[in-house]
């Protein structure tokens, strides 16, 4: 009995140490989005005790830079977490595209991925967080391990599919 408890505890302890593998297989889809763009929210205010701060001036500047960087892309769908900072980050793009911001909770990354993958041949942007974007990239089937530092802003992760295989590239947005 004691050995079963030890094994159970070890399984729980080590199960969170690896990035989750995508539950989606090549044969699951007949087509994919044109591209999925994942962007960590822009610079946020640091207010002790506040877990839903707004963007700083630099953050609003970066959100405008994101819209400018995506100006030549055919309008698509915009997903954001429930937090103010992610919604503010994509608000200029939503205005530019004439699109609504669709809220998908940060606590359900599988639903975010499923929603994105259900948009055949469309551009999809997901505004997330430093602790959610790497997991989302992994769930899309990208094998490259990604880490985003807490003070790292402006990376636009772009996933495009070729022969049902995801390819990741990263562009810098703003200063």
C-alpha atoms as a PDB file:
ATOM      1  CA  UNK A   1       0.000   0.000   0.000  1.00  0.00           C
ATOM      2  CA  UNK A   2       2.809   2.406   0.920  1.00  0.00           C
ATOM      3  CA  UNK A   3       4.553   1.710  -2.407  1.00  0.00           C
ATOM      4  CA  UNK A   4       1.366   2.624  -4.340  1.00  0.00           C
ATOM      5  CA  UNK A   5       1.200   5.967  -2.501  1.00  0.00           C
ATOM      6  CA  UNK A   6       4.855   6.717  -3.305  1.00  0.00           C
ATOM      7  CA  UNK A   7       4.345   5.903  -6.987  1.00  0.00           C
ATOM      8  CA  UNK A   8       1.163   7.987  -7.079  1.00  0.00           C
ATOM      9  CA  UNK A   9       2.936  10.972  -5.501  1.00  0.00           C
ATOM     10  CA  UNK A  10       5.856  10.643  -7.924  1.00  0.00           C
ATOM     11  CA  UNK A  11       3.483  10.508 -10.888  1.00  0.00           C
ATOM     12  CA  UNK A  12       1.690  13.652  -9.737  1.00  0.00           C
ATOM     13  CA  UNK A  13       4.945  15.438  -9.001  1.00  0.00           C
ATOM     14  CA  UNK A  14       6.529  14.724 -12.377  1.00  0.00           C
ATOM     15  CA  UNK A  15       3.489  14.883 -14.632  1.00  0.00           C
ATOM     16  CA  UNK A  16       3.692  18.684 -14.845  1.00  0.00           C
ATOM     17  CA  UNK A  17       7.364  18.746 -15.835  1.00  0.00           C
ATOM     18  CA  UNK A  18       6.904  18.249 -19.558  1.00  0.00           C
ATOM     19  CA  UNK A  19       5.046  20.330 -22.075  1.00  0.00           C
ATOM     20  CA  UNK A  20       1.784  18.735 -23.127  1.00  0.00           C
ATOM     21  CA  UNK A  21       1.782  17.128 -26.543  1.00  0.00           C
ATOM     22  CA  UNK A  22      -0.797  18.155 -29.072  1.00  0.00           C
ATOM     23  CA  UNK A  23      -3.898  16.009 -28.961  1.00  0.00           C
ATOM     24  CA  UNK A  24      -4.503  16.815 -32.616  1.00  0.00           C
ATOM     25  CA  UNK A  25      -3.239  14.487 -35.332  1.00  0.00           C
ATOM     26  CA  UNK A  26      -2.603  15.246 -38.996  1.00  0.00           C
ATOM     27  CA  UNK A  27      -5.607  13.203 -40.075  1.00  0.00           C
ATOM     28  CA  UNK A  28      -7.923  15.135 -37.726  1.00  0.00           C
ATOM     29  CA  UNK A  29      -8.148  18.106 -40.101  1.00  0.00           C
ATOM     30  CA  UNK A  30      -8.698  18.529 -43.811  1.00  0.00           C
ATOM     31  CA  UNK A  31      -7.558  22.140 -43.703  1.00  0.00           C
ATOM     32  CA  UNK A  32      -5.931  24.553 -41.275  1.00  0.00           C
ATOM     33  CA  UNK A  33      -5.992  28.283 -40.594  1.00  0.00           C
ATOM     34  CA  UNK A  34      -3.885  30.329 -43.026  1.00  0.00           C
ATOM     35  CA  UNK A  35      -1.855  31.249 -39.979  1.00  0.00           C
ATOM     36  CA  UNK A  36      -2.223  31.460 -36.230  1.00  0.00           C
ATOM     37  CA  UNK A  37      -0.550  34.467 -34.609  1.00  0.00           C
ATOM     38  CA  UNK A  38       0.155  34.240 -30.900  1.00  0.00           C
ATOM     39  CA  UNK A  39       1.076  37.434 -29.084  1.00  0.00           C
ATOM     40  CA  UNK A  40       1.772  37.948 -25.435  1.00  0.00           C
ATOM     41  CA  UNK A  41      -0.068  41.006 -24.082  1.00  0.00           C
ATOM     42  CA  UNK A  42       1.856  44.264 -24.275  1.00  0.00           C
ATOM     43  CA  UNK A  43       3.519  45.940 -21.290  1.00  0.00           C
ATOM     44  CA  UNK A  44       1.228  46.059 -18.280  1.00  0.00           C
ATOM     45  CA  UNK A  45       1.086  48.280 -15.235  1.00  0.00           C
ATOM     46  CA  UNK A  46       2.651  46.830 -12.098  1.00  0.00           C
ATOM     47  CA  UNK A  47       0.268  47.524  -9.237  1.00  0.00           C
ATOM     48  CA  UNK A  48       0.690  45.603  -6.007  1.00  0.00           C
ATOM     49  CA  UNK A  49      -2.347  43.415  -5.366  1.00  0.00           C
ATOM     50  CA  UNK A  50      -3.853  44.043  -8.822  1.00  0.00           C
ATOM     51  CA  UNK A  51      -4.202  40.884 -10.919  1.00  0.00           C
ATOM     52  CA  UNK A  52      -5.954  42.524 -13.876  1.00  0.00           C
ATOM     53  CA  UNK A  53      -3.972  45.681 -14.657  1.00  0.00           C
ATOM     54  CA  UNK A  54      -4.278  47.780 -17.774  1.00  0.00           C
ATOM     55  CA  UNK A  55      -1.486  48.453 -20.246  1.00  0.00           C
ATOM     56  CA  UNK A  56       1.151  51.132 -19.738  1.00  0.00           C
ATOM     57  CA  UNK A  57       1.815  53.873 -22.319  1.00  0.00           C
ATOM     58  CA  UNK A  58       4.508  51.632 -23.801  1.00  0.00           C
ATOM     59  CA  UNK A  59       1.950  48.826 -23.896  1.00  0.00           C
ATOM     60  CA  UNK A  60      -0.598  50.922 -25.775  1.00  0.00           C
ATOM     61  CA  UNK A  61       2.166  51.926 -28.188  1.00  0.00           C
ATOM     62  CA  UNK A  62       3.022  48.256 -28.763  1.00  0.00           C
ATOM     63  CA  UNK A  63      -0.666  47.375 -29.295  1.00  0.00           C
ATOM     64  CA  UNK A  64      -0.798  50.027 -32.036  1.00  0.00           C
ATOM     65  CA  UNK A  65       2.427  48.591 -33.503  1.00  0.00           C
ATOM     66  CA  UNK A  66       0.782  45.156 -33.606  1.00  0.00           C
ATOM     67  CA  UNK A  67      -2.142  46.550 -35.599  1.00  0.00           C
ATOM     68  CA  UNK A  68       0.287  48.283 -37.951  1.00  0.00           C
ATOM     69  CA  UNK A  69       2.344  45.090 -38.374  1.00  0.00           C
ATOM     70  CA  UNK A  70      -0.802  43.190 -39.350  1.00  0.00           C
ATOM     71  CA  UNK A  71      -2.287  45.871 -41.599  1.00  0.00           C
ATOM     72  CA  UNK A  72      -1.670  43.945 -44.833  1.00  0.00           C
ATOM     73  CA  UNK A  73      -3.116  40.681 -43.546  1.00  0.00           C
ATOM     74  CA  UNK A  74      -6.614  39.664 -44.580  1.00  0.00           C
ATOM     75  CA  UNK A  75      -8.841  40.248 -41.535  1.00  0.00           C
ATOM     76  CA  UNK A  76      -9.615  37.149 -39.551  1.00  0.00           C
ATOM     77  CA  UNK A  77     -10.609  36.183 -36.042  1.00  0.00           C
ATOM     78  CA  UNK A  78      -9.227  37.639 -32.834  1.00  0.00           C
ATOM     79  CA  UNK A  79      -9.205  35.660 -29.610  1.00  0.00           C
ATOM     80  CA  UNK A  80      -8.150  37.048 -26.262  1.00  0.00           C
ATOM     81  CA  UNK A  81      -8.052  35.835 -22.707  1.00  0.00           C
ATOM     82  CA  UNK A  82     -10.467  37.341 -20.228  1.00  0.00           C
ATOM     83  CA  UNK A  83      -7.894  39.818 -18.905  1.00  0.00           C
ATOM     84  CA  UNK A  84      -8.009  43.550 -19.633  1.00  0.00           C
ATOM     85  CA  UNK A  85      -4.372  43.702 -20.790  1.00  0.00           C
ATOM     86  CA  UNK A  86      -4.849  41.075 -23.510  1.00  0.00           C
ATOM     87  CA  UNK A  87      -8.023  42.718 -24.770  1.00  0.00           C
ATOM     88  CA  UNK A  88      -6.338  46.140 -24.815  1.00  0.00           C
ATOM     89  CA  UNK A  89      -3.422  44.632 -26.743  1.00  0.00           C
ATOM     90  CA  UNK A  90      -5.615  43.501 -29.642  1.00  0.00           C
ATOM     91  CA  UNK A  91      -8.185  46.337 -29.497  1.00  0.00           C
ATOM     92  CA  UNK A  92      -6.473  48.478 -32.194  1.00  0.00           C
ATOM     93  CA  UNK A  93      -6.270  45.425 -34.480  1.00  0.00           C
ATOM     94  CA  UNK A  94      -9.937  44.603 -33.860  1.00  0.00           C
ATOM     95  CA  UNK A  95     -10.856  48.175 -34.773  1.00  0.00           C
ATOM     96  CA  UNK A  96      -8.671  48.046 -37.896  1.00  0.00           C
ATOM     97  CA  UNK A  97     -10.144  44.707 -39.001  1.00  0.00           C
ATOM     98  CA  UNK A  98     -13.702  45.625 -38.005  1.00  0.00           C
ATOM     99  CA  UNK A  99     -13.747  42.439 -35.902  1.00  0.00           C
ATOM    100  CA  UNK A 100     -14.988  41.565 -32.462  1.00  0.00           C
ATOM    101  CA  UNK A 101     -12.617  40.239 -29.830  1.00  0.00           C
ATOM    102  CA  UNK A 102     -13.727  36.731 -28.890  1.00  0.00           C
ATOM    103  CA  UNK A 103     -12.977  35.891 -25.266  1.00  0.00           C
ATOM    104  CA  UNK A 104     -11.540  32.441 -24.508  1.00  0.00           C
ATOM    105  CA  UNK A 105     -10.413  31.838 -20.961  1.00  0.00           C
ATOM    106  CA  UNK A 106      -6.688  31.453 -20.362  1.00  0.00           C
ATOM    107  CA  UNK A 107      -7.496  28.493 -18.119  1.00  0.00           C
ATOM    108  CA  UNK A 108      -8.703  26.390 -21.070  1.00  0.00           C
ATOM    109  CA  UNK A 109      -5.907  26.305 -23.662  1.00  0.00           C
ATOM    110  CA  UNK A 110      -7.417  23.306 -25.448  1.00  0.00           C
ATOM    111  CA  UNK A 111     -10.553  25.346 -26.200  1.00  0.00           C
ATOM    112  CA  UNK A 112      -8.375  28.155 -27.571  1.00  0.00           C
ATOM    113  CA  UNK A 113      -6.547  25.735 -29.871  1.00  0.00           C
ATOM    114  CA  UNK A 114      -9.757  24.018 -30.957  1.00  0.00           C
ATOM    115  CA  UNK A 115     -11.368  27.383 -31.766  1.00  0.00           C
ATOM    116  CA  UNK A 116      -8.341  28.476 -33.796  1.00  0.00           C
ATOM    117  CA  UNK A 117      -8.105  25.199 -35.708  1.00  0.00           C
ATOM    118  CA  UNK A 118     -11.794  25.353 -36.629  1.00  0.00           C
ATOM    119  CA  UNK A 119     -11.142  28.425 -38.808  1.00  0.00           C
ATOM    120  CA  UNK A 120     -10.127  26.899 -42.105  1.00  0.00           C
ATOM    121  CA  UNK A 121      -8.029  29.191 -44.352  1.00  0.00           C
ATOM    122  CA  UNK A 122      -8.443  32.208 -42.059  1.00  0.00           C
ATOM    123  CA  UNK A 123      -5.965  34.283 -40.109  1.00  0.00           C
ATOM    124  CA  UNK A 124      -6.373  33.830 -36.359  1.00  0.00           C
ATOM    125  CA  UNK A 125      -4.712  35.847 -33.619  1.00  0.00           C
ATOM    126  CA  UNK A 126      -4.621  34.808 -29.986  1.00  0.00           C
ATOM    127  CA  UNK A 127      -3.592  37.321 -27.323  1.00  0.00           C
ATOM    128  CA  UNK A 128      -2.254  35.535 -24.281  1.00  0.00           C
ATOM    129  CA  UNK A 129       0.312  35.584 -21.515  1.00  0.00           C
ATOM    130  CA  UNK A 130       3.958  34.652 -20.935  1.00  0.00           C
ATOM    131  CA  UNK A 131       2.788  31.520 -19.112  1.00  0.00           C
ATOM    132  CA  UNK A 132       0.129  30.484 -21.677  1.00  0.00           C
ATOM    133  CA  UNK A 133       1.635  31.191 -25.125  1.00  0.00           C
ATOM    134  CA  UNK A 134       4.374  28.486 -24.885  1.00  0.00           C
ATOM    135  CA  UNK A 135       1.769  25.873 -23.941  1.00  0.00           C
ATOM    136  CA  UNK A 136      -0.501  26.957 -26.798  1.00  0.00           C
ATOM    137  CA  UNK A 137       2.377  26.676 -29.270  1.00  0.00           C
ATOM    138  CA  UNK A 138       3.024  23.133 -28.016  1.00  0.00           C
ATOM    139  CA  UNK A 139      -0.661  22.226 -28.288  1.00  0.00           C
ATOM    140  CA  UNK A 140      -0.601  23.328 -31.944  1.00  0.00           C
ATOM    141  CA  UNK A 141       1.969  20.574 -32.478  1.00  0.00           C
ATOM    142  CA  UNK A 142       5.132  22.679 -32.623  1.00  0.00           C
ATOM    143  CA  UNK A 143       7.980  20.667 -31.108  1.00  0.00           C
ATOM    144  CA  UNK A 144      10.306  23.628 -30.499  1.00  0.00           C
ATOM    145  CA  UNK A 145      10.376  24.532 -26.821  1.00  0.00           C
ATOM    146  CA  UNK A 146       9.466  28.175 -26.180  1.00  0.00           C
ATOM    147  CA  UNK A 147       9.999  30.235 -23.031  1.00  0.00           C
ATOM    148  CA  UNK A 148       8.860  33.815 -22.532  1.00  0.00           C
ATOM    149  CA  UNK A 149      10.455  35.833 -19.755  1.00  0.00           C
ATOM    150  CA  UNK A 150       8.267  38.034 -17.577  1.00  0.00           C
ATOM    151  CA  UNK A 151       9.886  41.188 -19.023  1.00  0.00           C
ATOM    152  CA  UNK A 152       9.847  39.952 -22.637  1.00  0.00           C
ATOM    153  CA  UNK A 153       7.417  41.724 -24.953  1.00  0.00           C
ATOM    154  CA  UNK A 154       6.837  42.054 -28.674  1.00  0.00           C
ATOM    155  CA  UNK A 155       7.369  38.505 -29.956  1.00  0.00           C
ATOM    156  CA  UNK A 156       4.771  37.585 -32.557  1.00  0.00           C
ATOM    157  CA  UNK A 157       4.735  33.800 -32.889  1.00  0.00           C
ATOM    158  CA  UNK A 158       3.381  32.738 -36.278  1.00  0.00           C
ATOM    159  CA  UNK A 159       2.319  29.181 -37.005  1.00  0.00           C
ATOM    160  CA  UNK A 160       1.607  28.147 -40.589  1.00  0.00           C
ATOM    161  CA  UNK A 161       0.943  24.650 -41.883  1.00  0.00           C
ATOM    162  CA  UNK A 162       2.681  22.951 -44.767  1.00  0.00           C
ATOM    163  CA  UNK A 163       1.616  19.388 -45.606  1.00  0.00           C
ATOM    164  CA  UNK A 164      -0.303  19.304 -42.300  1.00  0.00           C
ATOM    165  CA  UNK A 165       2.881  20.082 -40.328  1.00  0.00           C
ATOM    166  CA  UNK A 166       3.086  23.255 -38.221  1.00  0.00           C
ATOM    167  CA  UNK A 167       5.974  25.632 -38.908  1.00  0.00           C
ATOM    168  CA  UNK A 168       6.829  28.319 -36.380  1.00  0.00           C
ATOM    169  CA  UNK A 169       8.527  31.630 -37.005  1.00  0.00           C
ATOM    170  CA  UNK A 170       8.901  34.641 -34.735  1.00  0.00           C
ATOM    171  CA  UNK A 171       8.796  38.329 -35.645  1.00  0.00           C
ATOM    172  CA  UNK A 172       9.397  41.304 -33.391  1.00  0.00           C
ATOM    173  CA  UNK A 173       6.646  43.937 -33.047  1.00  0.00           C
ATOM    174  CA  UNK A 174       7.328  47.405 -31.646  1.00  0.00           C
ATOM    175  CA  UNK A 175      10.373  48.635 -29.795  1.00  0.00           C
END
